[in-house]
C-alpha atoms as a PDB file:
ATOM      1  CA  MET A   1       0.199 -18.914  11.534  1.00  0.00           C
ATOM      2  CA  LYS A   2      -0.284 -17.215   7.965  1.00  0.00           C
ATOM      3  CA  THR A   3       0.403 -18.112   4.606  1.00  0.00           C
ATOM      4  CA  ILE A   4       2.971 -15.439   3.427  1.00  0.00           C
ATOM      5  CA  GLY A   5       4.315 -15.478  -0.373  1.00  0.00           C
ATOM      6  CA  PHE A   6       7.910 -14.177  -0.111  1.00  0.00           C
ATOM      7  CA  ILE A   7       9.583 -12.674  -3.624  1.00  0.00           C
ATOM      8  CA  GLY A   8      13.122 -11.251  -3.655  1.00  0.00           C
ATOM      9  CA  LEU A   9      15.804 -13.073  -1.395  1.00  0.00           C
ATOM     10  CA  GLY A  10      18.627 -11.064  -1.704  1.00  0.00           C
ATOM     11  CA  ILE A  11      20.769  -8.853   1.154  1.00  0.00           C
ATOM     12  CA  MET A  12      17.231  -7.543   2.693  1.00  0.00           C
ATOM     13  CA  GLY A  13      15.016 -10.097   1.705  1.00  0.00           C
ATOM     14  CA  LYS A  14      16.576 -13.396   2.817  1.00  0.00           C
ATOM     15  CA  PRO A  15      16.683 -12.353   6.814  1.00  0.00           C
ATOM     16  CA  MET A  16      12.853 -11.197   6.550  1.00  0.00           C
ATOM     17  CA  ALA A  17      12.050 -14.061   5.680  1.00  0.00           C
ATOM     18  CA  MET A  18      14.095 -16.282   7.788  1.00  0.00           C
ATOM     19  CA  ASN A  19      12.700 -14.513  10.608  1.00  0.00           C
ATOM     20  CA  LEU A  20       9.170 -15.034   9.532  1.00  0.00           C
ATOM     21  CA  VAL A  21       9.876 -19.118   9.125  1.00  0.00           C
ATOM     22  CA  ARG A  22      11.010 -18.758  12.437  1.00  0.00           C
ATOM     23  CA  ALA A  23       7.988 -16.839  13.710  1.00  0.00           C
ATOM     24  CA  GLY A  24       5.933 -19.861  12.560  1.00  0.00           C
ATOM     25  CA  HIS A  25       4.228 -18.907   9.305  1.00  0.00           C
ATOM     26  CA  ARG A  26       4.071 -21.041   6.331  1.00  0.00           C
ATOM     27  CA  LEU A  27       6.134 -19.261   4.060  1.00  0.00           C
ATOM     28  CA  ILE A  28       6.094 -19.910  -0.459  1.00  0.00           C
ATOM     29  CA  VAL A  29       8.966 -18.044  -1.813  1.00  0.00           C
ATOM     30  CA  HIS A  30      10.868 -17.323  -4.791  1.00  0.00           C
ATOM     31  CA  ASP A  31      14.021 -15.024  -6.638  1.00  0.00           C
ATOM     32  CA  ILE A  32      16.057 -15.577  -9.678  1.00  0.00           C
ATOM     33  CA  ASN A  33      19.047 -16.745  -7.440  1.00  0.00           C
ATOM     34  CA  PRO A  34      18.307 -20.627  -6.515  1.00  0.00           C
ATOM     35  CA  ALA A  35      20.942 -20.406  -3.873  1.00  0.00           C
ATOM     36  CA  PRO A  36      18.241 -18.408  -0.950  1.00  0.00           C
ATOM     37  CA  VAL A  37      15.576 -20.300  -2.213  1.00  0.00           C
ATOM     38  CA  ALA A  38      17.756 -23.035  -1.398  1.00  0.00           C
ATOM     39  CA  GLU A  39      18.289 -22.113   2.143  1.00  0.00           C
ATOM     40  CA  LEU A  40      14.836 -21.030   2.796  1.00  0.00           C
ATOM     41  CA  ALA A  41      13.670 -24.271   1.859  1.00  0.00           C
ATOM     42  CA  ALA A  42      16.095 -25.957   3.934  1.00  0.00           C
ATOM     43  CA  GLN A  43      14.646 -24.329   6.955  1.00  0.00           C
ATOM     44  CA  GLY A  44      10.652 -25.090   5.723  1.00  0.00           C
ATOM     45  CA  ALA A  45       9.521 -22.950   3.076  1.00  0.00           C
ATOM     46  CA  LEU A  46       7.960 -24.063  -0.141  1.00  0.00           C
ATOM     47  CA  ASP A  47       9.362 -22.581  -3.385  1.00  0.00           C
ATOM     48  CA  GLY A  48       6.848 -21.361  -5.454  1.00  0.00           C
ATOM     49  CA  ARG A  49       8.883 -21.114  -8.545  1.00  0.00           C
ATOM     50  CA  THR A  50       7.614 -18.063 -10.100  1.00  0.00           C
ATOM     51  CA  PRO A  51       5.724 -15.237  -9.102  1.00  0.00           C
ATOM     52  CA  ALA A  52       2.333 -16.189 -10.408  1.00  0.00           C
ATOM     53  CA  GLY A  53       3.346 -19.443  -8.261  1.00  0.00           C
ATOM     54  CA  VAL A  54       3.543 -17.847  -4.993  1.00  0.00           C
ATOM     55  CA  ALA A  55       0.675 -15.612  -5.484  1.00  0.00           C
ATOM     56  CA  ARG A  56      -1.682 -18.916  -6.374  1.00  0.00           C
ATOM     57  CA  GLN A  57      -0.544 -20.040  -2.753  1.00  0.00           C
ATOM     58  CA  SER A  58      -0.406 -17.086  -1.051  1.00  0.00           C
ATOM     59  CA  GLU A  59      -3.050 -15.266   1.461  1.00  0.00           C
ATOM     60  CA  ILE A  60      -0.146 -12.008   1.948  1.00  0.00           C
ATOM     61  CA  LEU A  61       2.392 -11.519  -0.609  1.00  0.00           C
ATOM     62  CA  ILE A  62       5.554  -9.336   0.362  1.00  0.00           C
ATOM     63  CA  THR A  63       7.906  -8.363  -2.745  1.00  0.00           C
ATOM     64  CA  ILE A  64      11.210  -6.790  -2.108  1.00  0.00           C
ATOM     65  CA  LEU A  65      12.692  -5.757  -5.121  1.00  0.00           C
ATOM     66  CA  PRO A  66      15.593  -3.624  -6.555  1.00  0.00           C
ATOM     67  CA  ASP A  67      13.852  -1.109  -8.426  1.00  0.00           C
ATOM     68  CA  SER A  68      10.543   0.228 -10.053  1.00  0.00           C
ATOM     69  CA  PRO A  69      10.986  -1.515 -13.103  1.00  0.00           C
ATOM     70  CA  GLU A  70      11.471  -4.771 -11.042  1.00  0.00           C
ATOM     71  CA  VAL A  71       8.297  -4.615  -9.128  1.00  0.00           C
ATOM     72  CA  ARG A  72       6.305  -3.902 -12.402  1.00  0.00           C
ATOM     73  CA  ASP A  73       7.692  -6.950 -14.073  1.00  0.00           C
ATOM     74  CA  VAL A  74       6.877  -9.413 -11.222  1.00  0.00           C
ATOM     75  CA  VAL A  75       3.686  -7.837 -10.450  1.00  0.00           C
ATOM     76  CA  LEU A  76       2.380  -7.034 -13.657  1.00  0.00           C
ATOM     77  CA  GLY A  77       4.607  -9.024 -16.393  1.00  0.00           C
ATOM     78  CA  PRO A  78       4.173 -12.234 -17.687  1.00  0.00           C
ATOM     79  CA  ASN A  79       3.408 -15.577 -15.216  1.00  0.00           C
ATOM     80  CA  GLY A  80       3.518 -11.894 -12.529  1.00  0.00           C
ATOM     81  CA  VAL A  81       1.861 -11.991  -9.344  1.00  0.00           C
ATOM     82  CA  LEU A  82      -1.799 -10.766 -10.768  1.00  0.00           C
ATOM     83  CA  GLU A  83      -1.443 -13.676 -13.043  1.00  0.00           C
ATOM     84  CA  GLY A  84      -1.651 -15.894  -9.804  1.00  0.00           C
ATOM     85  CA  ALA A  85      -3.652 -13.951  -7.273  1.00  0.00           C
ATOM     86  CA  ALA A  86      -7.215 -14.528  -6.177  1.00  0.00           C
ATOM     87  CA  PRO A  87      -9.319 -11.597  -4.860  1.00  0.00           C
ATOM     88  CA  GLY A  88      -8.517 -10.375  -1.774  1.00  0.00           C
ATOM     89  CA  LEU A  89      -4.608 -11.413  -1.801  1.00  0.00           C
ATOM     90  CA  ILE A  90      -2.720  -8.624  -0.022  1.00  0.00           C
ATOM     91  CA  LEU A  91       0.511  -7.034  -1.078  1.00  0.00           C
ATOM     92  CA  ILE A  92       3.320  -5.320   0.678  1.00  0.00           C
ATOM     93  CA  ASP A  93       5.670  -4.316  -1.331  1.00  0.00           C
ATOM     94  CA  MET A  94       8.705  -3.612   1.026  1.00  0.00           C
ATOM     95  CA  SER A  95      11.060  -2.214  -2.305  1.00  0.00           C
ATOM     96  CA  SER A  96      12.300   1.121  -2.124  1.00  0.00           C
ATOM     97  CA  ILE A  97      10.635   2.653  -5.167  1.00  0.00           C
ATOM     98  CA  ALA A  98       9.552   5.708  -6.661  1.00  0.00           C
ATOM     99  CA  PRO A  99       6.037   6.408  -5.215  1.00  0.00           C
ATOM    100  CA  GLY A 100       4.062   6.981  -8.355  1.00  0.00           C
ATOM    101  CA  VAL A 101       5.000   3.627  -9.610  1.00  0.00           C
ATOM    102  CA  SER A 102       3.374   2.480  -6.510  1.00  0.00           C
ATOM    103  CA  LYS A 103       0.291   4.000  -6.591  1.00  0.00           C
ATOM    104  CA  GLU A 104       0.181   2.705 -10.560  1.00  0.00           C
ATOM    105  CA  ILE A 105       0.910  -0.664  -9.357  1.00  0.00           C
ATOM    106  CA  ALA A 106      -1.883  -0.397  -6.273  1.00  0.00           C
ATOM    107  CA  ALA A 107      -4.443   0.506  -9.459  1.00  0.00           C
ATOM    108  CA  LYS A 108      -3.907  -1.988 -11.231  1.00  0.00           C
ATOM    109  CA  ALA A 109      -4.069  -4.668  -8.434  1.00  0.00           C
ATOM    110  CA  GLU A 110      -7.152  -3.072  -6.876  1.00  0.00           C
ATOM    111  CA  ALA A 111      -9.164  -4.046 -10.244  1.00  0.00           C
ATOM    112  CA  ARG A 112      -8.112  -7.108  -9.869  1.00  0.00           C
ATOM    113  CA  GLY A 113      -9.130  -7.537  -6.021  1.00  0.00           C
ATOM    114  CA  VAL A 114      -5.851  -7.249  -4.797  1.00  0.00           C
ATOM    115  CA  ARG A 115      -5.029  -4.410  -1.872  1.00  0.00           C
ATOM    116  CA  MET A 116      -1.854  -3.258  -1.961  1.00  0.00           C
ATOM    117  CA  LEU A 117       0.195  -1.808   1.080  1.00  0.00           C
ATOM    118  CA  ASP A 118       3.720   0.011  -0.277  1.00  0.00           C
ATOM    119  CA  ALA A 119       5.781  -0.546   2.609  1.00  0.00           C
ATOM    120  CA  PRO A 120       9.689  -0.134   2.184  1.00  0.00           C
ATOM    121  CA  VAL A 121      12.322  -0.380   5.174  1.00  0.00           C
ATOM    122  CA  SER A 122      15.149   1.345   6.747  1.00  0.00           C
ATOM    123  CA  GLY A 123      18.220  -0.176   8.668  1.00  0.00           C
ATOM    124  CA  GLY A 124      20.240  -1.979   6.255  1.00  0.00           C
ATOM    125  CA  GLN A 125      20.552  -5.784   7.057  1.00  0.00           C
ATOM    126  CA  PRO A 126      21.775  -6.135  10.398  1.00  0.00           C
ATOM    127  CA  LYS A 127      18.345  -4.730  11.007  1.00  0.00           C
ATOM    128  CA  ALA A 128      16.761  -7.044   8.846  1.00  0.00           C
ATOM    129  CA  VAL A 129      18.717 -10.241  10.730  1.00  0.00           C
ATOM    130  CA  ASP A 130      17.254  -9.524  13.640  1.00  0.00           C
ATOM    131  CA  GLY A 131      14.043  -8.434  13.352  1.00  0.00           C
ATOM    132  CA  THR A 132      14.248  -4.482  13.957  1.00  0.00           C
ATOM    133  CA  LEU A 133      13.808  -2.289  11.093  1.00  0.00           C
ATOM    134  CA  SER A 134      11.882   0.448  10.679  1.00  0.00           C
ATOM    135  CA  ILE A 135       9.062  -0.016   8.495  1.00  0.00           C
ATOM    136  CA  MET A 136       6.843   2.837   7.333  1.00  0.00           C
ATOM    137  CA  ALA A 137       3.425   1.867   4.965  1.00  0.00           C
ATOM    138  CA  GLY A 138       1.441   3.157   2.661  1.00  0.00           C
ATOM    139  CA  GLY A 139      -2.179   2.323   2.125  1.00  0.00           C
ATOM    140  CA  ASP A 140      -5.604   1.873   3.555  1.00  0.00           C
ATOM    141  CA  GLN A 141      -5.263   2.012   7.085  1.00  0.00           C
ATOM    142  CA  ALA A 142      -7.557  -1.538   7.479  1.00  0.00           C
ATOM    143  CA  VAL A 143      -5.095  -3.169   4.950  1.00  0.00           C
ATOM    144  CA  PHE A 144      -2.256  -1.820   6.913  1.00  0.00           C
ATOM    145  CA  ASP A 145      -4.142  -2.890  10.620  1.00  0.00           C
ATOM    146  CA  SER A 146      -4.822  -6.175   9.430  1.00  0.00           C
ATOM    147  CA  VAL A 147      -1.284  -7.284   8.418  1.00  0.00           C
ATOM    148  CA  ALA A 148       0.836  -5.372  10.872  1.00  0.00           C
ATOM    149  CA  ASP A 149       1.471  -8.312  13.378  1.00  0.00           C
ATOM    150  CA  VAL A 150       3.416 -10.022  10.340  1.00  0.00           C
ATOM    151  CA  LEU A 151       5.361  -6.536   9.819  1.00  0.00           C
ATOM    152  CA  GLN A 152       6.019  -6.656  13.372  1.00  0.00           C
ATOM    153  CA  VAL A 153       8.138  -9.775  13.307  1.00  0.00           C
ATOM    154  CA  MET A 154      10.409  -8.019  10.557  1.00  0.00           C
ATOM    155  CA  GLY A 155      10.400  -4.474  12.377  1.00  0.00           C
ATOM    156  CA  LYS A 156      10.842  -2.784  15.359  1.00  0.00           C
ATOM    157  CA  SER A 157       9.077   0.341  14.152  1.00  0.00           C
ATOM    158  CA  VAL A 158       6.361  -0.360  11.836  1.00  0.00           C
ATOM    159  CA  VAL A 159       4.244   2.986  11.181  1.00  0.00           C
ATOM    160  CA  TRP A 160       1.368   3.777   9.187  1.00  0.00           C
ATOM    161  CA  VAL A 161       1.821   7.092   6.816  1.00  0.00           C
ATOM    162  CA  GLY A 162      -1.052   7.511   4.896  1.00  0.00           C
ATOM    163  CA  PRO A 163      -2.560   6.676   1.385  1.00  0.00           C
ATOM    164  CA  ILE A 164      -0.554   4.238  -1.022  1.00  0.00           C
ATOM    165  CA  GLY A 165       2.613   5.840  -2.041  1.00  0.00           C
ATOM    166  CA  SER A 166       3.355   7.752   1.370  1.00  0.00           C
ATOM    167  CA  GLY A 167       5.446   4.678   2.119  1.00  0.00           C
ATOM    168  CA  ASN A 168       7.786   5.416  -0.462  1.00  0.00           C
ATOM    169  CA  THR A 169       7.678   9.250   0.123  1.00  0.00           C
ATOM    170  CA  THR A 170       8.729   8.621   3.518  1.00  0.00           C
ATOM    171  CA  LYS A 171      11.683   6.281   3.158  1.00  0.00           C
ATOM    172  CA  LEU A 172      12.995   9.034  -0.056  1.00  0.00           C
ATOM    173  CA  ALA A 173      12.779  11.663   2.651  1.00  0.00           C
ATOM    174  CA  ASN A 174      15.176   8.936   5.238  1.00  0.00           C
ATOM    175  CA  GLN A 175      17.613   8.239   2.104  1.00  0.00           C
ATOM    176  CA  ILE A 176      18.003  12.472   2.026  1.00  0.00           C
ATOM    177  CA  VAL A 177      18.550  12.329   5.866  1.00  0.00           C
ATOM    178  CA  VAL A 178      20.743   9.472   5.818  1.00  0.00           C
ATOM    179  CA  ALA A 179      22.924  10.057   2.584  1.00  0.00           C
ATOM    180  CA  LEU A 180      23.467  13.674   3.977  1.00  0.00           C
ATOM    181  CA  ASN A 181      24.735  12.253   7.726  1.00  0.00           C
ATOM    182  CA  ILE A 182      27.086  10.226   6.316  1.00  0.00           C
ATOM    183  CA  ILE A 183      28.529  12.958   3.970  1.00  0.00           C
ATOM    184  CA  ALA A 184      28.900  15.167   6.606  1.00  0.00           C
ATOM    185  CA  MET A 185      30.211  12.720   8.918  1.00  0.00           C
ATOM    186  CA  SER A 186      32.857  11.498   5.969  1.00  0.00           C
ATOM    187  CA  GLU A 187      34.097  15.433   5.371  1.00  0.00           C
ATOM    188  CA  ALA A 188      33.871  15.839   8.900  1.00  0.00           C
ATOM    189  CA  LEU A 189      36.314  12.498   9.870  1.00  0.00           C
ATOM    190  CA  VAL A 190      38.297  13.587   6.702  1.00  0.00           C
ATOM    191  CA  LEU A 191      38.970  17.261   8.027  1.00  0.00           C
ATOM    192  CA  ALA A 192      40.134  15.818  10.899  1.00  0.00           C
ATOM    193  CA  ALA A 193      42.493  13.135   9.508  1.00  0.00           C
ATOM    194  CA  LYS A 194      43.870  15.914   6.976  1.00  0.00           C
ATOM    195  CA  ALA A 195      44.519  17.898  10.394  1.00  0.00           C
ATOM    196  CA  GLY A 196      45.954  15.588  12.289  1.00  0.00           C
ATOM    197  CA  VAL A 197      43.435  14.731  14.926  1.00  0.00           C
ATOM    198  CA  ASP A 198      42.420  11.256  15.465  1.00  0.00           C
ATOM    199  CA  PRO A 199      39.339  10.505  13.718  1.00  0.00           C
ATOM    200  CA  LYS A 200      38.433   8.148  16.699  1.00  0.00           C
ATOM    201  CA  VAL A 201      39.327  10.985  19.569  1.00  0.00           C
ATOM    202  CA  VAL A 202      36.723  13.511  17.297  1.00  0.00           C
ATOM    203  CA  TYR A 203      34.011  10.917  17.059  1.00  0.00           C
ATOM    204  CA  GLN A 204      34.334  10.123  20.658  1.00  0.00           C
ATOM    205  CA  ALA A 205      34.489  13.888  21.577  1.00  0.00           C
ATOM    206  CA  ILE A 206      31.135  14.526  19.376  1.00  0.00           C
ATOM    207  CA  ARG A 207      28.770  11.579  19.533  1.00  0.00           C
ATOM    208  CA  GLY A 208      26.988  12.354  22.867  1.00  0.00           C
ATOM    209  CA  GLY A 209      26.301  15.965  21.242  1.00  0.00           C
ATOM    210  CA  LEU A 210      23.911  17.699  18.825  1.00  0.00           C
ATOM    211  CA  ALA A 211      26.310  16.130  16.133  1.00  0.00           C
ATOM    212  CA  GLY A 212      25.200  12.428  17.542  1.00  0.00           C
ATOM    213  CA  SER A 213      23.198  10.408  15.786  1.00  0.00           C
ATOM    214  CA  THR A 214      22.325   6.731  14.499  1.00  0.00           C
ATOM    215  CA  VAL A 215      24.168   7.123  11.262  1.00  0.00           C
ATOM    216  CA  LEU A 216      27.401   8.448  12.831  1.00  0.00           C
ATOM    217  CA  ASP A 217      27.419   5.055  15.667  1.00  0.00           C
ATOM    218  CA  ALA A 218      26.457   2.671  12.774  1.00  0.00           C
ATOM    219  CA  LYS A 219      28.803   3.890   9.921  1.00  0.00           C
ATOM    220  CA  ALA A 220      31.824   5.702  11.616  1.00  0.00           C
ATOM    221  CA  PRO A 221      33.288   2.260  13.498  1.00  0.00           C
ATOM    222  CA  LEU A 222      33.227   0.653  10.697  1.00  0.00           C
ATOM    223  CA  VAL A 223      35.181   3.501   8.296  1.00  0.00           C
ATOM    224  CA  PHE A 224      37.605   3.173  11.006  1.00  0.00           C
ATOM    225  CA  ARG A 225      37.687  -0.753  10.914  1.00  0.00           C
ATOM    226  CA  ARG A 226      37.546  -0.194   6.868  1.00  0.00           C
ATOM    227  CA  GLN A 227      34.788  -2.539   6.805  1.00  0.00           C
ATOM    228  CA  PHE A 228      32.684  -1.627   3.308  1.00  0.00           C
ATOM    229  CA  ASP A 229      31.313  -5.009   2.757  1.00  0.00           C
ATOM    230  CA  PRO A 230      27.034  -4.143   2.532  1.00  0.00           C
ATOM    231  CA  GLY A 231      25.158  -3.444   4.058  1.00  0.00           C
ATOM    232  CA  PHE A 232      23.762  -1.207   2.108  1.00  0.00           C
ATOM    233  CA  ARG A 233      25.129  -0.430  -1.252  1.00  0.00           C
ATOM    234  CA  ILE A 234      25.745   2.592  -2.448  1.00  0.00           C
ATOM    235  CA  GLU A 235      24.660   1.449  -5.737  1.00  0.00           C
ATOM    236  CA  LEU A 236      21.176   1.309  -4.161  1.00  0.00           C
ATOM    237  CA  HIS A 237      21.242   4.584  -2.177  1.00  0.00           C
ATOM    238  CA  LEU A 238      21.999   6.178  -5.728  1.00  0.00           C
ATOM    239  CA  LYS A 239      18.923   4.803  -7.228  1.00  0.00           C
ATOM    240  CA  ASP A 240      16.830   6.081  -3.876  1.00  0.00           C
ATOM    241  CA  LEU A 241      18.497   9.655  -4.336  1.00  0.00           C
ATOM    242  CA  ARG A 242      17.459   9.341  -8.060  1.00  0.00           C
ATOM    243  CA  ASN A 243      13.852   8.632  -7.157  1.00  0.00           C
ATOM    244  CA  ALA A 244      13.698  11.344  -4.810  1.00  0.00           C
ATOM    245  CA  LEU A 245      15.218  13.831  -7.234  1.00  0.00           C
ATOM    246  CA  THR A 246      12.766  12.100  -9.821  1.00  0.00           C
ATOM    247  CA  THR A 247       9.971  12.727  -7.069  1.00  0.00           C
ATOM    248  CA  GLY A 248      11.121  15.908  -6.461  1.00  0.00           C
ATOM    249  CA  ARG A 249      10.970  17.741 -10.000  1.00  0.00           C
ATOM    250  CA  GLN A 250       7.263  16.231 -10.194  1.00  0.00           C
ATOM    251  CA  LEU A 251       6.819  18.437  -7.268  1.00  0.00           C
ATOM    252  CA  GLY A 252       8.694  21.522  -8.539  1.00  0.00           C
ATOM    253  CA  LEU A 253      11.801  21.326  -5.993  1.00  0.00           C
ATOM    254  CA  PRO A 254      14.637  21.725  -6.494  1.00  0.00           C
ATOM    255  CA  LEU A 255      16.465  19.608  -3.835  1.00  0.00           C
ATOM    256  CA  SER A 256      20.110  20.600  -4.279  1.00  0.00           C
ATOM    257  CA  PHE A 257      21.549  19.202  -1.930  1.00  0.00           C
ATOM    258  CA  THR A 258      20.312  15.815  -2.552  1.00  0.00           C
ATOM    259  CA  SER A 259      21.630  16.259  -6.334  1.00  0.00           C
ATOM    260  CA  GLN A 260      25.081  16.726  -4.977  1.00  0.00           C
ATOM    261  CA  ALA A 261      24.859  13.334  -2.681  1.00  0.00           C
ATOM    262  CA  ALA A 262      23.789  11.544  -5.925  1.00  0.00           C
ATOM    263  CA  GLN A 263      26.646  12.934  -7.797  1.00  0.00           C
ATOM    264  CA  VAL A 264      29.424  11.960  -5.186  1.00  0.00           C
ATOM    265  CA  MET A 265      27.556   8.380  -5.212  1.00  0.00           C
ATOM    266  CA  SER A 266      27.348   8.534  -9.126  1.00  0.00           C
ATOM    267  CA  ASP A 267      31.534   9.581  -9.014  1.00  0.00           C
ATOM    268  CA  LEU A 268      31.891   6.290  -6.545  1.00  0.00           C
ATOM    269  CA  VAL A 269      29.700   3.898  -8.593  1.00  0.00           C
ATOM    270  CA  ALA A 270      31.491   5.210 -12.106  1.00  0.00           C
ATOM    271  CA  GLY A 271      34.919   4.378  -9.825  1.00  0.00           C
ATOM    272  CA  GLY A 272      33.823   0.864  -9.824  1.00  0.00           C
ATOM    273  CA  LYS A 273      32.871   1.191  -5.842  1.00  0.00           C
ATOM    274  CA  GLY A 274      29.368   0.941  -6.004  1.00  0.00           C
ATOM    275  CA  LYS A 275      28.972  -2.000  -4.434  1.00  0.00           C
ATOM    276  CA  LEU A 276      30.764  -0.865  -0.944  1.00  0.00           C
ATOM    277  CA  ASP A 277      28.267   0.281   1.888  1.00  0.00           C
ATOM    278  CA  HIS A 278      27.371   3.330   1.649  1.00  0.00           C
ATOM    279  CA  GLY A 279      30.030   4.386   4.430  1.00  0.00           C
ATOM    280  CA  GLY A 280      32.063   3.675   1.758  1.00  0.00           C
ATOM    281  CA  LEU A 281      31.049   7.150   1.012  1.00  0.00           C
ATOM    282  CA  VAL A 282      33.907   8.738   2.676  1.00  0.00           C
ATOM    283  CA  GLN A 283      36.454   7.082   0.160  1.00  0.00           C
ATOM    284  CA  TYR A 284      35.583   9.823  -2.234  1.00  0.00           C
ATOM    285  CA  PHE A 285      36.350  12.728   0.170  1.00  0.00           C
ATOM    286  CA  GLU A 286      39.875  10.361   1.041  1.00  0.00           C
ATOM    287  CA  ALA A 287      40.540  10.368  -2.159  1.00  0.00           C
ATOM    288  CA  GLN A 288      40.326  14.496  -2.684  1.00  0.00           C
ATOM    289  CA  ALA A 289      42.028  14.660   0.966  1.00  0.00           C
ATOM    290  CA  GLY A 290      44.844  12.108   0.170  1.00  0.00           C
ATOM    291  CA  VAL A 291      44.260  10.655   3.580  1.00  0.00           C
ATOM    292  CA  GLU A 292      42.602   7.662   5.011  1.00  0.00           C
ATOM    293  CA  VAL A 293      40.626   7.694   8.134  1.00  0.00           C
ATOM    294  CA  ARG A 294      41.437   5.158  10.300  1.00  0.00           C
END
């Protein structure tokens, strides 16, 4: 049993934390929303009250937060993690943020004797619930090896990918592939519907061939059922693509198709659809075609 801090009990963080409690770990939790804190407390977790309070009681501390500014604030800000951290604490940031920010925070953490991994996840809420996320971790490999058993409670695929920042670079690559897969699926199913061919039949016909993918099998059935509650919200996927584009600019890469995908998501967010599951990208193409995929 390890004493683990967990900050960020949202749509992903709460089930991940629940799995750690069920695995027998002692958990100290914090979130700006008191409701999930109370749920975890009912399962035996303790309320750390502040990020510093969580850090004071933890040997490993996990954060999973919306974006770079929130991670900076929770780790580096007043009453933040580093204020309460003792040397030797291992900080695992499982948020999806800009790789450069991971490097910045890790350098400041190291100056305080805190070792850090950036270990974002993929798989959405269903895989967070059943503990089968894909986890891509960057940082010192010895630190990764020392916490791999904890990560394996939350993930089925747990891979060390390189030095700090590599985890979030890998996650950005993942998010590009997922976004373009969903967009390709959406255009294809809308084409079928517009042409008068049953999209469900098209899906069954193509899923066993080269067009088949995990994304297709995860999202097409939800589109057919018009089930767009997240999952993974469009607005959060847009955040990831914007981080990818920023990173691309820093590297001199245009990422042209990523830019187009981000524009589709931006239009949906502007239309009030940002909180839909990213499978809801199909609605952009449906609106253009004047059809609905069912």
